[in-house]
Protein backbone atom coordinates (compact mmCIF):
# COMPACT_ATOMS: atom_id res chain seq x y z
CA MET A 1 6.46 -39.65 -23.26
CA ILE A 2 5.73 -40.99 -19.86
CA PHE A 3 3.91 -44.24 -19.30
CA ILE A 4 2.62 -45.13 -15.87
CA GLU A 5 1.17 -48.54 -15.00
CA LYS A 6 -0.39 -48.84 -11.57
CA ILE A 7 -1.01 -52.37 -10.35
CA ARG A 8 -3.46 -52.39 -7.47
CA ALA A 9 -3.57 -56.16 -7.06
CA LEU A 10 -1.67 -59.07 -8.49
CA THR A 11 -3.91 -61.50 -10.37
CA ASP A 12 -3.49 -64.35 -12.82
CA HIS A 13 -3.87 -61.78 -15.59
CA THR A 14 -1.09 -59.49 -14.32
CA PRO A 15 1.76 -61.32 -16.14
CA ARG A 16 -0.21 -61.06 -19.40
CA ASP A 17 -0.67 -57.33 -19.00
CA LEU A 18 2.98 -56.79 -18.12
CA ALA A 19 4.21 -58.91 -21.04
CA GLY A 20 1.84 -57.00 -23.38
CA TRP A 21 3.12 -53.60 -22.26
CA HIS A 22 6.69 -54.81 -22.49
CA VAL A 23 6.22 -55.89 -26.07
CA CYS A 24 4.42 -52.68 -26.97
CA LEU A 25 7.35 -50.65 -25.70
CA GLU A 26 9.80 -52.88 -27.57
CA VAL A 27 7.79 -52.34 -30.79
CA ILE A 28 7.81 -48.60 -30.29
CA GLU A 29 11.57 -48.66 -29.73
CA ALA A 30 12.09 -50.78 -32.83
CA LEU A 31 9.95 -48.53 -35.03
CA LEU A 32 11.81 -45.43 -33.81
CA ASP A 33 15.07 -47.21 -34.70
CA GLY A 34 13.74 -48.13 -38.17
CA ARG A 35 13.47 -51.81 -37.29
CA ILE A 36 10.56 -54.22 -37.41
CA ILE A 37 9.80 -56.90 -34.87
CA GLU A 38 8.78 -59.94 -36.92
CA SER A 39 6.90 -61.94 -34.28
CA ARG A 40 5.29 -59.99 -31.47
CA LYS A 41 3.73 -63.25 -30.31
CA ASP A 42 7.11 -64.88 -29.80
CA LYS A 43 8.36 -61.86 -27.85
CA TRP A 44 5.17 -61.84 -25.79
CA GLU A 45 5.52 -65.53 -24.90
CA THR A 46 9.13 -65.04 -23.80
CA TRP A 47 8.21 -62.05 -21.57
CA TYR A 48 5.06 -63.73 -20.29
CA GLU A 49 7.08 -66.61 -18.85
CA LYS A 50 9.47 -64.20 -17.17
CA TYR A 51 6.63 -62.14 -15.69
CA VAL A 52 4.83 -65.26 -14.44
CA SER A 53 7.95 -66.06 -12.43
CA ALA A 54 8.43 -62.46 -11.25
CA VAL A 55 4.79 -62.02 -10.16
CA LYS A 56 4.91 -65.36 -8.34
CA GLU A 57 8.05 -64.31 -6.49
CA VAL A 58 6.58 -60.98 -5.50
CA SER A 59 3.34 -62.67 -4.38
CA GLU A 60 5.22 -65.09 -2.23
CA ASN A 61 7.92 -62.79 -0.86
CA GLY A 62 6.60 -59.25 -1.25
CA LEU A 63 8.65 -56.36 -2.61
CA LYS A 64 12.09 -55.75 -1.20
């Protein structure tokens, strides 16, 4: 499988999308390993905070 996410512009919604995709991929990995992720919401909230910071940094400094 190949997943491609193209971000044309960074918006306030971008961190939400990125966190959502991140959790989806973690869920797929867990299911393939025979595990269950109990709280997708908790995982999403953790990743959302990280992506808010990352998107802010990219917005302010650009990609390097």
